[in-house]
Amino acid sequence: MQEIKIGLEVHVQLNTESKLFCSCPTSQAEPNRNVCDVCLGFPGTKPVLNEKAIELALKIGYALDCRINKKFLFSRKTYFYPDLSKNFQITQLETPVSSGGKLNIKDNKIRIRRVHLEEDPAKIIREEDHVLLDYNRSGIPLVEIVTEPDLKSPREARIFLQKLQQILEFIYVGDFSKEGGIRVDANISMTKYESKYGYEEGLVEEKKGGVRVEIKNISGAKEVEKALNYEMLRQKNLLEVKRETRLWNEKTKITISAREKEEEDEYGYIFEPDLPVIELSDKILNEIQSNLPELPESKKRRFLKYKISPEIIDTLLTEPELTHYFEYLCETHNEKASAVLLAKYLKRTLNYHNLKLKDVDIDVRHLRRIIDLLQKYLITDDVAEIIIREMVGDHVKGKKVREPEQVLRDLKYEKPLEEERIRKFVLDVVRENTKAVKDYKIGKKESFDYLIGQVMKKTGRRASAKRIKELLKREVG
């Protein structure tokens, strides 16, 4: 028998235009271009705190139901490593931005120990025979979200991270399409219970305390699950587990030892003398809290009232922009038709091109026009998806996105059949497939799908499946 405890330290690069303590841009650039004497740690330089970073860190605290610390300060965490040119990192120890929060996943409450601000170190690039350093990343604002060891399995850790990232995307604090936008350190300990015979007690269980092992710098929820699964297997086959820090190799799918695990007092924390104690007013805190966007769980509860399937709602919730578009479409069109267009046709096409809705120039107006065409039976569901593919394809090719009608003209699209012709085909199929009709009437639902398919064939797919279904039901009851 084994008891598994997993705690996570999630590092999120904040979506600010400049670094945490200097005015260098955080945008992508050639290595070592976005640097200055402050983020390179030159002697005599002084940090100046980025106000936007504090605002985003507070939004995270509120979203995770944390207790906000109105008064906090920064500390120096001292250690020698090439990614820290000044040999210390400005971070928070005694008073983080917020603490004592929670995030529920299914029936398990995962406690959030702390949410604190710190500067990102430089990026280390390990080649076969040398190491490179890119200081563009040095000084980018990071928020570290530290959980209690409440996670019980690698799978649960993955689900937690996916839900956390979803929340962070909905409150617009980071850009997770960037390399290094979110990185995770996972801590795991496995407590063993071994059965043995006592002289008087008979069969008893002896508990052997687990040793905490840290796996650093894992990118992505799926990789965290893989790294923890490997580490569990590795530790099960060891007689004695060392307290250490290990690295996850995404290519070989194994962890490798990096160093013995440090204790907090080994970092020689001191108060950061070049930054003041930060004290936040109630006015600032109320403003940040009141402007916090609606969180995914709240949106889901609201969307379920539209009688849309939970699966479609979950797809809409994969991107905040999809939910915004859904609500815009619902102002003028049916909720179910709007959800299906976005969650099935548009999202499927975006996934194929590895794109997000925010990346493409498709307007709500385009989508409203497609729903209009569908509801007037001027196009079929298949054609609606083809129009969306063509429009996304325009964006991918760097062209101006065409109007839906223009796409139809370019495809030389033939209009759907008239109602009378569809009805004729329906009657023909009913007459030619009496066995399928009888089977449907005695409860075999698959027979009805077969009949729909037969009508679709006769129409050359120039009729709406929805309309065919309506006409068939009218004929066969």
Protein backbone atom coordinates (compact mmCIF):
# COMPACT_ATOMS: atom_id res chain seq x y z
CA MET A 1 0.00 0.00 0.00
CA GLN A 2 1.26 3.51 -0.82
CA GLU A 3 0.10 7.03 -0.08
CA ILE A 4 1.02 9.58 -2.75
CA LYS A 5 1.28 13.31 -2.09
CA ILE A 6 1.84 15.76 -4.93
CA GLY A 7 2.28 19.51 -4.67
CA LEU A 8 2.84 21.88 -7.59
CA GLU A 9 4.67 25.16 -8.07
CA VAL A 10 3.24 26.78 -11.18
CA HIS A 11 5.24 29.63 -12.74
CA VAL A 12 3.22 31.94 -14.98
CA GLN A 13 4.80 34.67 -17.12
CA LEU A 14 2.59 37.72 -16.76
CA ASN A 15 1.27 39.50 -19.83
CA THR A 16 3.00 42.87 -19.35
CA GLU A 17 4.70 45.03 -21.94
CA SER A 18 7.81 45.59 -19.82
CA LYS A 19 9.83 43.58 -17.29
CA LEU A 20 9.21 43.48 -13.55
CA PHE A 21 11.93 45.90 -12.45
CA CYS A 22 13.00 47.75 -15.61
CA SER A 23 11.54 49.15 -18.84
CA CYS A 24 12.93 46.46 -21.19
CA PRO A 25 10.19 44.99 -23.42
CA THR A 26 8.93 41.44 -22.85
CA SER A 27 8.26 40.83 -26.56
CA GLN A 28 10.06 38.20 -28.63
CA ALA A 29 13.46 39.28 -29.97
CA GLU A 30 16.88 37.99 -31.00
CA PRO A 31 18.76 36.55 -27.99
CA ASN A 32 20.13 39.13 -25.54
CA ARG A 33 18.52 42.14 -27.25
CA ASN A 34 15.84 43.04 -24.69
CA VAL A 35 18.31 43.71 -21.88
CA CYS A 36 19.66 46.63 -19.87
CA ASP A 37 21.98 47.23 -16.91
CA VAL A 38 19.14 46.48 -14.43
CA CYS A 39 18.05 43.05 -15.74
CA LEU A 40 21.71 42.13 -16.36
CA GLY A 41 22.47 42.92 -12.71
CA PHE A 42 25.15 45.59 -13.18
CA PRO A 43 26.51 47.02 -9.90
CA GLY A 44 24.75 50.14 -8.65
CA THR A 45 21.48 49.57 -10.56
CA LYS A 46 18.14 49.93 -8.76
CA PRO A 47 14.87 48.09 -9.49
CA VAL A 48 11.65 50.00 -10.21
CA LEU A 49 8.49 47.92 -9.64
CA ASN A 50 6.04 47.35 -12.52
CA GLU A 51 2.54 48.39 -11.34
CA LYS A 52 0.77 46.29 -14.00
CA ALA A 53 2.44 43.12 -12.69
CA ILE A 54 0.98 43.73 -9.23
CA GLU A 55 -2.49 44.21 -10.74
CA LEU A 56 -2.28 40.90 -12.66
CA ALA A 57 -0.95 39.03 -9.62
CA LEU A 58 -3.88 40.35 -7.56
CA LYS A 59 -6.34 39.18 -10.24
CA ILE A 60 -4.89 35.67 -9.90
CA GLY A 61 -5.28 35.84 -6.12
CA TYR A 62 -8.92 36.84 -6.37
CA ALA A 63 -9.66 34.20 -9.05
CA LEU A 64 -8.23 31.48 -6.76
CA ASP A 65 -10.27 32.64 -3.76
CA CYS A 66 -7.14 33.74 -1.87
CA ARG A 67 -6.72 36.07 1.07
CA ILE A 68 -5.15 39.27 -0.31
CA ASN A 69 -2.29 40.81 1.63
CA LYS A 70 -2.78 44.58 1.55
CA LYS A 71 0.80 45.02 2.73
CA PHE A 72 3.69 43.03 1.26
CA LEU A 73 7.38 43.26 0.51
CA PHE A 74 10.11 41.67 -1.59
CA SER A 75 13.14 39.59 -0.61
CA ARG A 76 16.44 38.54 -2.15
CA LYS A 77 16.85 34.80 -2.71
CA THR A 78 20.58 34.24 -3.01
CA TYR A 79 22.06 31.41 -5.03
CA PHE A 80 24.82 31.09 -7.62
CA TYR A 81 23.67 29.94 -11.04
CA PRO A 82 24.48 31.27 -14.52
CA ASP A 83 20.87 32.31 -15.22
CA LEU A 84 21.12 34.89 -12.40
CA SER A 85 23.82 37.38 -13.34
CA LYS A 86 23.55 39.28 -10.04
CA ASN A 87 23.59 36.02 -8.00
CA PHE A 88 20.22 36.65 -6.39
CA GLN A 89 16.58 36.66 -7.44
CA ILE A 90 14.07 39.27 -6.27
CA THR A 91 11.08 37.30 -5.02
CA GLN A 92 8.69 37.14 -2.04
CA LEU A 93 8.99 35.00 1.08
CA GLU A 94 7.47 36.44 4.25
CA THR A 95 4.50 38.24 2.71
CA PRO A 96 3.30 37.08 -0.73
CA VAL A 97 0.71 39.00 -2.74
CA SER A 98 -1.95 36.52 -1.58
CA SER A 99 -2.30 33.21 0.23
CA GLY A 100 -4.76 30.64 1.58
CA GLY A 101 -6.81 30.04 -1.57
CA LYS A 102 -8.38 26.97 -3.16
CA LEU A 103 -9.31 25.38 -6.48
CA ASN A 104 -11.87 22.57 -6.58
CA ILE A 105 -11.47 19.70 -9.03
CA LYS A 106 -14.37 17.28 -8.93
CA ASP A 107 -14.76 16.35 -5.23
CA ASN A 108 -11.27 17.37 -4.15
CA LYS A 109 -10.37 20.80 -2.80
CA ILE A 110 -6.79 21.70 -3.70
CA ARG A 111 -5.49 24.30 -1.28
CA ILE A 112 -3.40 27.17 -2.63
CA ARG A 113 -0.63 27.96 -0.17
CA ARG A 114 0.55 31.21 -1.76
CA VAL A 115 0.64 33.37 -4.88
CA HIS A 116 3.76 35.48 -5.11
CA LEU A 117 5.61 37.71 -7.55
CA GLU A 118 9.21 37.24 -8.68
CA GLU A 119 11.52 37.90 -11.61
CA ASP A 120 12.19 35.19 -14.20
CA PRO A 121 15.83 34.08 -14.56
CA ALA A 122 17.56 33.94 -17.94
CA LYS A 123 16.91 31.05 -20.32
CA ILE A 124 19.55 28.31 -20.31
CA ILE A 125 20.01 26.51 -23.63
CA ARG A 126 22.00 23.28 -23.29
CA GLU A 127 23.76 22.11 -26.46
CA GLU A 128 25.84 18.94 -26.81
CA ASP A 129 29.18 20.48 -25.88
CA HIS A 130 28.29 23.94 -24.55
CA VAL A 131 25.64 26.03 -22.76
CA LEU A 132 24.06 29.25 -24.05
CA LEU A 133 22.30 31.98 -22.04
CA ASP A 134 19.53 34.26 -23.28
CA TYR A 135 18.93 37.17 -20.89
CA ASN A 136 15.85 38.40 -22.76
CA ARG A 137 13.84 36.33 -20.27
CA SER A 138 15.71 37.66 -17.24
CA GLY A 139 13.43 39.99 -15.31
CA ILE A 140 10.13 39.06 -17.01
CA PRO A 141 7.37 39.16 -14.33
CA LEU A 142 6.50 35.75 -12.94
CA VAL A 143 3.73 34.72 -10.61
CA GLU A 144 4.36 31.51 -8.71
CA ILE A 145 1.27 29.61 -7.58
CA VAL A 146 2.15 27.09 -4.87
CA THR A 147 -0.30 24.36 -3.85
CA GLU A 148 -0.39 22.28 -0.70
CA PRO A 149 0.43 18.56 -1.30
CA ASP A 150 -3.26 17.76 -1.79
CA LEU A 151 -3.04 16.04 -5.18
CA LYS A 152 -3.27 12.26 -5.01
CA SER A 153 -2.24 11.13 -8.49
CA PRO A 154 -0.49 12.30 -11.69
CA ARG A 155 -3.88 12.30 -13.44
CA GLU A 156 -5.31 14.62 -10.80
CA ALA A 157 -2.29 16.92 -11.19
CA ARG A 158 -2.97 17.14 -14.92
CA ILE A 159 -6.67 17.96 -14.40
CA PHE A 160 -5.75 20.63 -11.83
CA LEU A 161 -3.28 22.29 -14.21
CA GLN A 162 -5.75 22.27 -17.10
CA LYS A 163 -8.40 23.92 -14.93
CA LEU A 164 -5.89 26.43 -13.54
CA GLN A 165 -4.69 27.39 -17.02
CA GLN A 166 -8.30 27.79 -18.16
CA ILE A 167 -8.94 30.26 -15.31
CA LEU A 168 -5.75 32.19 -16.07
CA GLU A 169 -6.73 32.47 -19.75
CA PHE A 170 -10.18 33.77 -18.87
CA ILE A 171 -8.76 36.56 -16.69
CA TYR A 172 -6.15 37.45 -19.35
CA VAL A 173 -3.02 37.42 -17.19
CA GLY A 174 -0.69 35.44 -19.47
CA ASP A 175 -0.03 34.32 -23.02
CA PHE A 176 0.38 30.55 -22.97
CA SER A 177 1.17 30.31 -26.67
CA LYS A 178 4.63 31.71 -25.84
CA GLU A 179 7.46 29.33 -25.04
CA GLY A 180 7.91 29.29 -21.27
CA GLY A 181 4.57 31.04 -20.70
CA ILE A 182 3.75 28.46 -18.02
CA ARG A 183 6.24 26.11 -16.34
CA VAL A 184 5.73 23.68 -13.48
CA ASP A 185 7.86 22.24 -10.69
CA ALA A 186 6.22 19.10 -9.30
CA ASN A 187 6.95 17.74 -5.81
CA ILE A 188 6.11 14.12 -5.07
CA SER A 189 6.48 11.92 -2.01
CA MET A 190 5.37 8.32 -1.62
CA THR A 191 4.68 6.95 1.85
CA LYS A 192 4.97 3.16 1.99
CA TYR A 193 3.04 0.84 4.30
CA GLU A 194 4.75 -2.53 4.68
CA SER A 195 3.10 -5.55 6.29
CA LYS A 196 5.12 -7.57 8.79
CA TYR A 197 4.54 -9.87 11.76
CA GLY A 198 4.98 -8.51 15.28
CA TYR A 199 5.79 -10.90 18.15
CA GLU A 200 2.60 -10.03 20.09
CA GLU A 201 0.47 -8.06 17.63
CA GLY A 202 0.43 -10.54 14.76
CA LEU A 203 0.24 -8.99 11.27
CA VAL A 204 0.80 -5.22 11.49
CA GLU A 205 1.52 -2.40 9.04
CA GLU A 206 4.65 -0.31 9.36
CA LYS A 207 4.59 3.18 7.87
CA LYS A 208 7.76 4.39 6.13
CA GLY A 209 7.77 8.15 5.63
CA GLY A 210 8.04 9.45 2.09
CA VAL A 211 10.94 11.58 0.85
CA ARG A 212 10.03 14.61 -1.24
CA VAL A 213 11.53 14.72 -4.72
CA GLU A 214 11.18 17.80 -6.92
CA ILE A 215 10.95 17.64 -10.73
CA LYS A 216 11.76 21.04 -12.21
CA ASN A 217 10.78 23.01 -15.31
CA ILE A 218 8.08 20.84 -16.86
CA SER A 219 6.08 22.49 -19.64
CA GLY A 220 2.41 21.59 -20.02
CA ALA A 221 -0.14 19.57 -18.08
CA LYS A 222 0.34 16.41 -20.14
CA GLU A 223 4.10 16.43 -19.55
CA VAL A 224 3.54 16.90 -15.81
CA GLU A 225 1.39 13.75 -15.76
CA LYS A 226 4.04 11.80 -17.70
CA ALA A 227 6.89 13.03 -15.47
CA LEU A 228 5.03 12.11 -12.28
CA ASN A 229 4.07 8.68 -13.62
CA TYR A 230 7.69 7.98 -14.45
CA GLU A 231 8.87 9.23 -11.04
CA MET A 232 6.35 7.02 -9.24
CA LEU A 233 7.63 3.98 -11.14
CA ARG A 234 11.25 4.93 -10.45
CA GLN A 235 10.68 5.36 -6.72
CA LYS A 236 8.73 2.09 -6.41
CA ASN A 237 11.82 0.22 -7.60
CA LEU A 238 14.21 1.90 -5.14
CA LEU A 239 15.07 0.63 -1.68
CA GLU A 240 15.87 4.19 -0.57
CA VAL A 241 14.72 7.46 -2.16
CA LYS A 242 17.01 10.51 -1.93
CA ARG A 243 15.69 14.02 -1.31
CA GLU A 244 16.78 15.71 -4.53
CA THR A 245 15.90 17.91 -7.48
CA ARG A 246 15.48 16.15 -10.81
CA LEU A 247 14.91 17.32 -14.39
CA TRP A 248 12.33 15.95 -16.84
CA ASN A 249 13.63 15.04 -20.30
CA GLU A 250 10.73 15.37 -22.77
CA LYS A 251 12.57 13.40 -25.47
CA THR A 252 13.59 10.35 -23.45
CA LYS A 253 10.61 10.59 -21.04
CA ILE A 254 12.72 10.06 -17.94
CA THR A 255 13.81 12.21 -14.98
CA ILE A 256 17.52 12.75 -14.31
CA SER A 257 19.21 13.90 -11.11
CA ALA A 258 20.25 17.56 -11.05
CA ARG A 259 21.32 18.24 -7.45
CA GLU A 260 20.44 17.59 -3.83
CA LYS A 261 17.32 19.44 -2.77
CA GLU A 262 18.04 22.73 -0.98
CA GLU A 263 16.29 23.81 2.22
CA GLU A 264 14.77 27.31 2.33
CA ASP A 265 17.34 28.59 4.84
CA GLU A 266 20.17 27.69 2.42
CA TYR A 267 19.07 30.53 0.11
CA GLY A 268 20.06 33.23 2.60
CA TYR A 269 16.88 35.28 2.20
CA ILE A 270 17.11 38.96 3.18
CA PHE A 271 14.67 41.84 2.69
CA GLU A 272 15.16 43.61 -0.66
CA PRO A 273 16.64 46.96 0.47
CA ASP A 274 16.03 48.73 -2.87
CA LEU A 275 12.25 48.26 -2.86
CA PRO A 276 9.76 49.73 -0.36
CA VAL A 277 7.03 47.89 1.49
CA ILE A 278 3.96 47.96 -0.79
CA GLU A 279 0.67 48.97 0.82
CA LEU A 280 -2.53 48.74 -1.24
CA SER A 281 -5.59 50.90 -0.66
CA ASP A 282 -9.11 49.50 -0.43
CA LYS A 283 -10.01 51.57 -3.51
CA ILE A 284 -7.38 49.81 -5.66
CA LEU A 285 -8.36 46.37 -4.38
CA ASN A 286 -12.09 46.96 -4.91
CA GLU A 287 -11.45 48.20 -8.44
CA ILE A 288 -9.39 45.11 -9.37
CA GLN A 289 -11.91 42.72 -7.82
CA SER A 290 -14.93 44.40 -9.45
CA ASN A 291 -13.27 44.33 -12.89
CA LEU A 292 -12.41 40.62 -12.68
CA PRO A 293 -13.95 38.81 -15.70
CA GLU A 294 -16.52 36.07 -15.18
CA LEU A 295 -14.80 32.77 -14.40
CA PRO A 296 -15.36 29.54 -16.40
CA GLU A 297 -17.40 27.74 -13.70
CA SER A 298 -19.84 30.63 -13.50
CA LYS A 299 -20.17 30.75 -17.30
CA LYS A 300 -20.81 27.01 -17.43
CA ARG A 301 -23.65 27.23 -14.90
CA ARG A 302 -25.22 30.03 -16.93
CA PHE A 303 -24.81 28.29 -20.30
CA LEU A 304 -26.38 25.07 -19.00
CA LYS A 305 -29.67 26.98 -18.65
CA TYR A 306 -29.79 27.12 -22.47
CA LYS A 307 -30.31 23.31 -22.54
CA ILE A 308 -27.07 22.82 -24.51
CA SER A 309 -25.09 19.61 -23.95
CA PRO A 310 -22.29 19.86 -21.35
CA GLU A 311 -19.82 18.55 -23.96
CA ILE A 312 -20.52 21.48 -26.30
CA ILE A 313 -20.32 23.94 -23.39
CA ASP A 314 -16.95 22.49 -22.34
CA THR A 315 -15.70 23.05 -25.91
CA LEU A 316 -16.87 26.68 -25.80
CA LEU A 317 -15.00 27.09 -22.52
CA THR A 318 -11.68 26.09 -24.07
CA GLU A 319 -11.23 29.72 -25.18
CA PRO A 320 -12.63 32.90 -23.63
CA GLU A 321 -13.17 34.36 -27.13
CA LEU A 322 -15.46 31.44 -28.05
CA THR A 323 -17.69 32.27 -25.08
CA HIS A 324 -17.74 35.96 -26.03
CA TYR A 325 -18.72 35.12 -29.62
CA PHE A 326 -21.39 32.73 -28.31
CA GLU A 327 -22.98 35.46 -26.22
CA TYR A 328 -22.88 37.93 -29.12
CA LEU A 329 -24.55 35.40 -31.41
CA CYS A 330 -27.22 34.62 -28.80
CA GLU A 331 -28.33 38.26 -28.94
CA THR A 332 -29.75 37.65 -32.43
CA HIS A 333 -29.90 33.89 -33.00
CA ASN A 334 -30.89 30.58 -31.41
CA GLU A 335 -28.56 29.47 -28.61
CA LYS A 336 -28.19 25.87 -29.78
CA ALA A 337 -27.48 26.82 -33.41
CA SER A 338 -24.89 29.36 -32.24
CA ALA A 339 -23.19 26.86 -29.92
CA VAL A 340 -23.01 24.12 -32.56
CA LEU A 341 -21.55 26.49 -35.18
CA LEU A 342 -18.81 27.61 -32.78
CA ALA A 343 -18.06 24.40 -30.87
CA LYS A 344 -18.20 21.96 -33.79
CA TYR A 345 -17.49 23.67 -37.09
CA LEU A 346 -15.32 26.65 -36.09
CA LYS A 347 -13.39 25.05 -33.22
CA ARG A 348 -12.69 21.89 -35.25
CA THR A 349 -11.25 23.97 -38.09
CA LEU A 350 -9.16 26.12 -35.72
CA ASN A 351 -7.75 22.98 -34.06
CA TYR A 352 -6.75 21.60 -37.47
CA HIS A 353 -4.64 24.71 -38.12
CA ASN A 354 -3.44 24.88 -34.47
CA LEU A 355 -5.03 28.32 -34.11
CA LYS A 356 -7.06 30.17 -31.49
CA LEU A 357 -10.11 32.29 -32.33
CA LYS A 358 -8.26 35.42 -31.18
CA ASP A 359 -5.66 34.74 -33.90
CA VAL A 360 -8.05 34.90 -36.87
CA ASP A 361 -10.00 37.75 -38.49
CA ILE A 362 -13.40 36.07 -38.51
CA ASP A 363 -16.01 38.52 -37.30
CA VAL A 364 -19.27 37.78 -35.43
CA ARG A 365 -21.03 39.33 -38.43
CA HIS A 366 -19.65 36.51 -40.66
CA LEU A 367 -20.99 33.86 -38.30
CA ARG A 368 -24.41 35.49 -38.01
CA ARG A 369 -24.69 35.42 -41.80
CA ILE A 370 -23.83 31.68 -41.89
CA ILE A 371 -26.56 30.93 -39.32
CA ASP A 372 -29.02 32.99 -41.40
CA LEU A 373 -28.19 30.89 -44.47
CA LEU A 374 -28.68 27.68 -42.47
CA GLN A 375 -32.00 28.73 -40.97
CA LYS A 376 -33.37 29.70 -44.39
CA TYR A 377 -32.26 26.28 -45.73
CA LEU A 378 -30.04 28.05 -48.30
CA ILE A 379 -27.07 25.92 -47.21
CA THR A 380 -26.65 22.58 -45.45
CA ASP A 381 -24.64 21.89 -42.29
CA ASP A 382 -21.82 20.40 -44.39
CA VAL A 383 -21.65 23.56 -46.50
CA ALA A 384 -21.60 25.75 -43.37
CA GLU A 385 -18.46 23.92 -42.24
CA ILE A 386 -16.91 24.26 -45.71
CA ILE A 387 -17.50 28.03 -45.60
CA ILE A 388 -15.75 28.25 -42.23
CA ARG A 389 -12.83 26.15 -43.52
CA GLU A 390 -12.45 28.48 -46.50
CA MET A 391 -12.56 31.59 -44.30
CA VAL A 392 -9.97 30.26 -41.85
CA GLY A 393 -7.92 29.14 -44.86
CA ASP A 394 -7.95 32.75 -46.11
CA HIS A 395 -6.39 33.84 -42.83
CA VAL A 396 -3.78 31.08 -42.92
CA LYS A 397 -2.78 32.13 -46.48
CA GLY A 398 -2.52 35.77 -45.42
CA LYS A 399 -5.51 36.82 -47.54
CA LYS A 400 -8.45 39.00 -46.59
CA VAL A 401 -11.21 36.81 -45.11
CA ARG A 402 -14.07 36.55 -47.61
CA GLU A 403 -17.76 37.03 -46.84
CA PRO A 404 -19.75 33.75 -46.68
CA GLU A 405 -21.65 34.63 -49.89
CA GLN A 406 -18.39 35.27 -51.72
CA VAL A 407 -17.09 31.86 -50.64
CA LEU A 408 -20.22 30.25 -52.07
CA ARG A 409 -19.78 32.10 -55.37
CA ASP A 410 -16.11 31.10 -55.57
CA LEU A 411 -17.04 27.47 -54.95
CA LYS A 412 -19.77 27.69 -57.65
CA TYR A 413 -22.17 26.38 -55.06
CA GLU A 414 -25.53 25.08 -56.24
CA LYS A 415 -28.45 26.17 -54.10
CA PRO A 416 -30.30 23.51 -52.10
CA LEU A 417 -33.22 21.75 -53.70
CA GLU A 418 -36.70 23.18 -53.50
CA GLU A 419 -39.03 21.83 -50.82
CA GLU A 420 -41.19 19.90 -53.29
CA ARG A 421 -38.21 18.03 -54.74
CA ILE A 422 -36.96 17.06 -51.29
CA ARG A 423 -40.44 15.80 -50.36
CA LYS A 424 -40.51 13.71 -53.55
CA PHE A 425 -37.18 12.07 -52.65
CA VAL A 426 -38.47 11.40 -49.12
CA LEU A 427 -41.57 9.66 -50.51
CA ASP A 428 -39.41 7.60 -52.87
CA VAL A 429 -37.15 6.44 -50.01
CA VAL A 430 -40.14 5.55 -47.79
CA ARG A 431 -41.67 3.49 -50.64
CA GLU A 432 -38.36 1.74 -51.50
CA ASN A 433 -37.39 0.88 -47.90
CA THR A 434 -40.48 -0.57 -46.25
CA LYS A 435 -38.45 -2.86 -43.96
CA ALA A 436 -36.44 0.07 -42.55
CA VAL A 437 -39.69 2.00 -42.00
CA LYS A 438 -41.21 -0.95 -40.10
CA ASP A 439 -38.03 -1.38 -38.02
CA TYR A 440 -38.11 2.31 -37.07
CA LYS A 441 -41.75 2.05 -36.02
CA ILE A 442 -40.95 -0.80 -33.62
CA GLY A 443 -38.19 1.22 -31.97
CA LYS A 444 -35.00 0.68 -33.98
CA LYS A 445 -33.67 4.25 -34.12
CA GLU A 446 -30.72 3.34 -36.35
CA SER A 447 -33.25 2.57 -39.13
CA PHE A 448 -34.29 6.22 -39.15
CA ASP A 449 -30.65 7.31 -39.58
CA TYR A 450 -30.44 4.88 -42.52
CA LEU A 451 -33.49 6.49 -44.14
CA ILE A 452 -32.00 9.97 -43.71
CA GLY A 453 -28.81 8.76 -45.41
CA GLN A 454 -30.78 7.36 -48.34
CA VAL A 455 -32.56 10.68 -48.88
CA MET A 456 -29.24 12.56 -48.64
CA LYS A 457 -27.88 10.33 -51.40
CA LYS A 458 -30.80 11.07 -53.70
CA THR A 459 -30.51 14.82 -53.12
CA GLY A 460 -26.76 14.82 -53.82
CA ARG A 461 -26.33 16.32 -50.32
CA ARG A 462 -28.12 19.46 -51.53
CA ALA A 463 -30.63 19.36 -48.70
CA SER A 464 -30.41 20.10 -44.99
CA ALA A 465 -30.27 16.97 -42.84
CA LYS A 466 -32.50 18.79 -40.35
CA ARG A 467 -35.16 19.44 -43.00
CA ILE A 468 -34.98 15.84 -44.31
CA LYS A 469 -35.50 14.59 -40.76
CA GLU A 470 -38.56 16.82 -40.32
CA LEU A 471 -40.12 15.62 -43.59
CA LEU A 472 -39.33 11.94 -42.87
CA LYS A 473 -40.93 12.13 -39.43
CA ARG A 474 -44.00 13.63 -40.98
CA GLU A 475 -44.26 10.66 -43.40
CA VAL A 476 -43.35 7.71 -41.14
CA GLY A 477 -44.69 9.06 -37.84
